[in-house]
Amino acid sequence: MLAQLEHLLHMAQLPNIDVQVLPYEAGAHAALAAPFTILEFAEPLGTPIVYVGTVTDAIFLEEAEDISQYNATFGDVQGSALSTVRSAAFIEQVAASLESEK
């Protein structure tokens, strides 16, 4: 797990990647229902698609109302997460505790 945390810290330094930790203390949130991915495309495709993975299948949502709901859910979760700076500090703290256990 230490190597994974170090990799996250490395990736978080890239200009096109934000790493945010959603701590347990944040409590329940709308994204707990099922994992989802919002896929956004450059033109000419343009229209976003939401991918929702289930235990036995997957759902692809393309309706504007569905996209809007999932964007709002993502925004809520992101707002509950630690900032990118605080997330990096949290990951560093966890990594240091793992390192000291060696």
N, C-alpha and C. Protein backbone atom coordinates (compact mmCIF):
# COMPACT_ATOMS: atom_id res chain seq x y z
N MET A 1 0.81 -1.19 0.00
CA MET A 1 0.00 0.00 0.00
C MET A 1 0.86 1.27 0.00
N LEU A 2 2.03 1.19 0.59
CA LEU A 2 2.93 2.34 0.62
C LEU A 2 3.28 2.78 -0.80
N ALA A 3 3.58 1.83 -1.65
CA ALA A 3 3.92 2.16 -3.05
C ALA A 3 2.74 2.82 -3.76
N GLN A 4 1.52 2.38 -3.46
CA GLN A 4 0.33 2.97 -4.07
C GLN A 4 0.16 4.42 -3.61
N LEU A 5 0.37 4.67 -2.33
CA LEU A 5 0.25 6.03 -1.81
C LEU A 5 1.31 6.93 -2.43
N GLU A 6 2.52 6.43 -2.56
CA GLU A 6 3.59 7.21 -3.19
C GLU A 6 3.26 7.52 -4.64
N HIS A 7 2.65 6.56 -5.33
CA HIS A 7 2.24 6.77 -6.71
C HIS A 7 1.15 7.85 -6.78
N LEU A 8 0.20 7.81 -5.87
CA LEU A 8 -0.84 8.84 -5.84
C LEU A 8 -0.23 10.22 -5.65
N LEU A 9 0.73 10.32 -4.75
CA LEU A 9 1.39 11.60 -4.52
C LEU A 9 2.13 12.08 -5.76
N HIS A 10 2.77 11.16 -6.46
CA HIS A 10 3.46 11.51 -7.69
C HIS A 10 2.46 11.99 -8.75
N MET A 11 1.38 11.26 -8.93
CA MET A 11 0.38 11.63 -9.93
C MET A 11 -0.29 12.96 -9.60
N ALA A 12 -0.46 13.25 -8.31
CA ALA A 12 -1.11 14.49 -7.90
C ALA A 12 -0.28 15.72 -8.26
N GLN A 13 0.98 15.53 -8.56
CA GLN A 13 1.84 16.65 -8.95
C GLN A 13 1.68 17.02 -10.42
N LEU A 14 1.03 16.16 -11.20
CA LEU A 14 0.83 16.44 -12.62
C LEU A 14 -0.23 17.53 -12.79
N PRO A 15 -0.08 18.38 -13.79
CA PRO A 15 -0.98 19.53 -13.93
C PRO A 15 -2.42 19.17 -14.30
N ASN A 16 -2.63 18.00 -14.85
CA ASN A 16 -3.97 17.62 -15.31
C ASN A 16 -4.67 16.63 -14.37
N ILE A 17 -4.13 16.43 -13.17
CA ILE A 17 -4.71 15.46 -12.23
C ILE A 17 -4.89 16.11 -10.87
N ASP A 18 -6.09 15.98 -10.33
CA ASP A 18 -6.38 16.40 -8.96
C ASP A 18 -6.69 15.16 -8.16
N VAL A 19 -6.03 14.99 -7.03
CA VAL A 19 -6.31 13.88 -6.12
C VAL A 19 -6.94 14.47 -4.87
N GLN A 20 -8.14 14.01 -4.57
CA GLN A 20 -8.84 14.46 -3.37
C GLN A 20 -9.28 13.24 -2.58
N VAL A 21 -9.07 13.29 -1.27
CA VAL A 21 -9.46 12.21 -0.37
C VAL A 21 -10.81 12.56 0.24
N LEU A 22 -11.71 11.60 0.22
CA LEU A 22 -13.00 11.75 0.88
C LEU A 22 -12.93 10.94 2.17
N PRO A 23 -12.70 11.63 3.29
CA PRO A 23 -12.50 10.90 4.55
C PRO A 23 -13.80 10.27 5.05
N TYR A 24 -13.64 9.23 5.85
CA TYR A 24 -14.81 8.56 6.44
C TYR A 24 -15.66 9.55 7.23
N GLU A 25 -15.02 10.53 7.84
CA GLU A 25 -15.75 11.50 8.65
C GLU A 25 -16.76 12.31 7.84
N ALA A 26 -16.62 12.32 6.52
CA ALA A 26 -17.57 13.04 5.67
C ALA A 26 -18.95 12.39 5.72
N GLY A 27 -18.99 11.12 6.09
CA GLY A 27 -20.27 10.43 6.23
C GLY A 27 -20.84 9.95 4.91
N ALA A 28 -22.11 9.61 4.97
CA ALA A 28 -22.81 9.09 3.80
C ALA A 28 -22.95 10.18 2.74
N HIS A 29 -22.92 9.76 1.49
CA HIS A 29 -23.08 10.69 0.38
C HIS A 29 -23.76 9.98 -0.78
N ALA A 30 -24.25 10.74 -1.73
CA ALA A 30 -25.04 10.20 -2.83
C ALA A 30 -24.27 9.23 -3.71
N ALA A 31 -22.96 9.33 -3.76
CA ALA A 31 -22.16 8.46 -4.64
C ALA A 31 -21.98 7.06 -4.06
N LEU A 32 -22.47 6.82 -2.86
CA LEU A 32 -22.34 5.49 -2.27
C LEU A 32 -23.24 4.46 -2.96
N ALA A 33 -24.25 4.90 -3.65
CA ALA A 33 -25.20 3.98 -4.28
C ALA A 33 -24.52 3.05 -5.28
N ALA A 34 -23.70 3.62 -6.14
CA ALA A 34 -22.98 2.82 -7.14
C ALA A 34 -21.86 3.68 -7.70
N PRO A 35 -20.72 3.07 -8.02
CA PRO A 35 -19.64 3.85 -8.63
C PRO A 35 -20.05 4.32 -10.02
N PHE A 36 -19.60 5.51 -10.38
CA PHE A 36 -19.93 6.01 -11.71
C PHE A 36 -18.76 6.80 -12.26
N THR A 37 -18.73 6.91 -13.58
CA THR A 37 -17.71 7.69 -14.28
C THR A 37 -18.41 8.60 -15.27
N ILE A 38 -18.05 9.86 -15.25
CA ILE A 38 -18.59 10.80 -16.23
C ILE A 38 -17.56 10.92 -17.35
N LEU A 39 -17.94 10.50 -18.53
CA LEU A 39 -17.05 10.52 -19.69
C LEU A 39 -17.35 11.76 -20.51
N GLU A 40 -16.35 12.60 -20.69
CA GLU A 40 -16.51 13.80 -21.50
C GLU A 40 -15.60 13.69 -22.71
N PHE A 41 -16.10 14.12 -23.85
CA PHE A 41 -15.39 13.96 -25.11
C PHE A 41 -15.20 15.31 -25.80
N ALA A 42 -14.13 15.40 -26.55
CA ALA A 42 -13.92 16.58 -27.39
C ALA A 42 -14.85 16.47 -28.61
N GLU A 43 -15.04 17.56 -29.27
CA GLU A 43 -15.84 17.55 -30.50
C GLU A 43 -15.23 16.56 -31.48
N PRO A 44 -15.94 15.90 -32.33
CA PRO A 44 -17.34 16.09 -32.67
C PRO A 44 -18.31 15.33 -31.76
N LEU A 45 -17.81 14.42 -30.92
CA LEU A 45 -18.72 13.67 -30.06
C LEU A 45 -19.44 14.59 -29.09
N GLY A 46 -18.68 15.39 -28.37
CA GLY A 46 -19.24 16.44 -27.55
C GLY A 46 -20.06 16.03 -26.34
N THR A 47 -21.12 15.28 -26.51
CA THR A 47 -22.06 14.97 -25.44
C THR A 47 -21.46 14.03 -24.41
N PRO A 48 -21.53 14.40 -23.12
CA PRO A 48 -21.02 13.51 -22.07
C PRO A 48 -21.88 12.26 -21.93
N ILE A 49 -21.28 11.22 -21.38
CA ILE A 49 -21.97 9.96 -21.09
C ILE A 49 -21.61 9.58 -19.66
N VAL A 50 -22.58 9.07 -18.92
CA VAL A 50 -22.31 8.56 -17.57
C VAL A 50 -22.29 7.04 -17.65
N TYR A 51 -21.22 6.46 -17.14
CA TYR A 51 -21.07 5.01 -17.04
C TYR A 51 -21.30 4.62 -15.59
N VAL A 52 -22.27 3.73 -15.35
CA VAL A 52 -22.55 3.23 -14.00
C VAL A 52 -22.31 1.73 -14.01
N GLY A 53 -21.31 1.30 -13.25
CA GLY A 53 -21.00 -0.12 -13.16
C GLY A 53 -21.84 -0.79 -12.09
N THR A 54 -22.35 -1.96 -12.40
CA THR A 54 -23.10 -2.74 -11.42
C THR A 54 -22.40 -4.08 -11.23
N VAL A 55 -22.92 -4.90 -10.36
CA VAL A 55 -22.30 -6.19 -10.10
C VAL A 55 -22.32 -7.08 -11.33
N THR A 56 -23.39 -7.03 -12.09
CA THR A 56 -23.52 -7.94 -13.23
C THR A 56 -23.58 -7.25 -14.59
N ASP A 57 -23.61 -5.94 -14.61
CA ASP A 57 -23.82 -5.25 -15.87
C ASP A 57 -23.26 -3.83 -15.79
N ALA A 58 -23.53 -3.05 -16.80
CA ALA A 58 -23.16 -1.64 -16.82
C ALA A 58 -24.27 -0.87 -17.51
N ILE A 59 -24.42 0.38 -17.10
CA ILE A 59 -25.43 1.24 -17.68
C ILE A 59 -24.73 2.47 -18.24
N PHE A 60 -25.13 2.89 -19.42
CA PHE A 60 -24.62 4.10 -20.03
C PHE A 60 -25.78 5.08 -20.16
N LEU A 61 -25.65 6.25 -19.54
CA LEU A 61 -26.71 7.26 -19.55
C LEU A 61 -26.28 8.43 -20.42
N GLU A 62 -27.19 8.86 -21.30
CA GLU A 62 -26.85 9.94 -22.22
C GLU A 62 -27.82 11.11 -22.16
N GLU A 63 -28.93 10.97 -21.43
CA GLU A 63 -29.92 12.04 -21.35
C GLU A 63 -29.37 13.21 -20.54
N ALA A 64 -29.67 14.43 -20.99
CA ALA A 64 -29.16 15.64 -20.33
C ALA A 64 -29.55 15.68 -18.85
N GLU A 65 -30.74 15.26 -18.51
CA GLU A 65 -31.19 15.27 -17.11
C GLU A 65 -30.34 14.32 -16.25
N ASP A 66 -30.04 13.14 -16.80
CA ASP A 66 -29.20 12.18 -16.08
C ASP A 66 -27.78 12.72 -15.89
N ILE A 67 -27.22 13.28 -16.95
CA ILE A 67 -25.87 13.85 -16.88
C ILE A 67 -25.83 14.94 -15.81
N SER A 68 -26.85 15.79 -15.81
CA SER A 68 -26.92 16.89 -14.85
C SER A 68 -26.96 16.36 -13.41
N GLN A 69 -27.74 15.30 -13.17
CA GLN A 69 -27.84 14.72 -11.83
C GLN A 69 -26.50 14.14 -11.38
N TYR A 70 -25.81 13.45 -12.25
CA TYR A 70 -24.53 12.87 -11.89
C TYR A 70 -23.45 13.95 -11.72
N ASN A 71 -23.51 15.01 -12.52
CA ASN A 71 -22.58 16.12 -12.33
C ASN A 71 -22.80 16.77 -10.97
N ALA A 72 -24.07 16.92 -10.57
CA ALA A 72 -24.38 17.50 -9.26
C ALA A 72 -23.89 16.57 -8.14
N THR A 73 -24.08 15.28 -8.31
CA THR A 73 -23.62 14.31 -7.31
C THR A 73 -22.10 14.37 -7.18
N PHE A 74 -21.41 14.41 -8.31
CA PHE A 74 -19.95 14.50 -8.28
C PHE A 74 -19.52 15.79 -7.58
N GLY A 75 -20.19 16.89 -7.88
CA GLY A 75 -19.87 18.15 -7.24
C GLY A 75 -20.06 18.10 -5.73
N ASP A 76 -21.13 17.44 -5.28
CA ASP A 76 -21.36 17.29 -3.84
C ASP A 76 -20.25 16.49 -3.18
N VAL A 77 -19.86 15.39 -3.81
CA VAL A 77 -18.80 14.55 -3.25
C VAL A 77 -17.47 15.31 -3.25
N GLN A 78 -17.18 15.98 -4.33
CA GLN A 78 -15.94 16.75 -4.42
C GLN A 78 -15.92 17.85 -3.37
N GLY A 79 -17.07 18.47 -3.11
CA GLY A 79 -17.15 19.51 -2.10
C GLY A 79 -16.96 18.98 -0.69
N SER A 80 -17.29 17.71 -0.47
CA SER A 80 -17.11 17.08 0.85
C SER A 80 -15.69 16.56 1.06
N ALA A 81 -14.96 16.40 -0.02
CA ALA A 81 -13.60 15.86 0.06
C ALA A 81 -12.62 16.92 0.54
N LEU A 82 -11.48 16.45 1.00
CA LEU A 82 -10.40 17.36 1.39
C LEU A 82 -9.90 18.08 0.14
N SER A 83 -9.36 19.27 0.31
CA SER A 83 -8.75 19.98 -0.82
C SER A 83 -7.57 19.15 -1.34
N THR A 84 -7.07 19.52 -2.49
CA THR A 84 -5.94 18.78 -3.04
C THR A 84 -4.71 18.90 -2.13
N VAL A 85 -4.51 20.06 -1.54
CA VAL A 85 -3.36 20.25 -0.64
C VAL A 85 -3.54 19.42 0.63
N ARG A 86 -4.73 19.49 1.22
CA ARG A 86 -4.98 18.71 2.44
C ARG A 86 -4.98 17.21 2.15
N SER A 87 -5.44 16.83 0.96
CA SER A 87 -5.42 15.41 0.58
C SER A 87 -3.99 14.90 0.48
N ALA A 88 -3.11 15.70 -0.13
CA ALA A 88 -1.70 15.30 -0.23
C ALA A 88 -1.09 15.16 1.16
N ALA A 89 -1.41 16.08 2.05
CA ALA A 89 -0.89 16.00 3.42
C ALA A 89 -1.42 14.75 4.13
N PHE A 90 -2.67 14.44 3.91
CA PHE A 90 -3.28 13.24 4.51
C PHE A 90 -2.59 11.98 3.99
N ILE A 91 -2.39 11.92 2.68
CA ILE A 91 -1.73 10.75 2.08
C ILE A 91 -0.30 10.63 2.60
N GLU A 92 0.40 11.75 2.70
CA GLU A 92 1.76 11.73 3.24
C GLU A 92 1.78 11.22 4.68
N GLN A 93 0.80 11.63 5.46
CA GLN A 93 0.70 11.19 6.86
C GLN A 93 0.47 9.68 6.94
N VAL A 94 -0.43 9.18 6.13
CA VAL A 94 -0.70 7.73 6.12
C VAL A 94 0.54 6.98 5.66
N ALA A 95 1.19 7.49 4.60
CA ALA A 95 2.42 6.84 4.11
C ALA A 95 3.50 6.82 5.17
N ALA A 96 3.66 7.92 5.90
CA ALA A 96 4.67 7.97 6.97
C ALA A 96 4.36 6.98 8.07
N SER A 97 3.09 6.81 8.39
CA SER A 97 2.74 5.84 9.44
C SER A 97 3.02 4.41 8.97
N LEU A 98 2.82 4.15 7.69
CA LEU A 98 3.13 2.82 7.15
C LEU A 98 4.63 2.59 7.13
N GLU A 99 5.37 3.65 6.79
CA GLU A 99 6.83 3.55 6.75
C GLU A 99 7.39 3.26 8.14
N SER A 100 6.81 3.88 9.15
CA SER A 100 7.31 3.68 10.53
C SER A 100 6.96 2.30 11.06
N GLU A 101 5.99 1.62 10.46
CA GLU A 101 5.59 0.28 10.89
C GLU A 101 6.55 -0.81 10.36
N LYS A 102 7.39 -0.42 9.41
CA LYS A 102 8.30 -1.40 8.79
C LYS A 102 9.30 -1.91 9.79
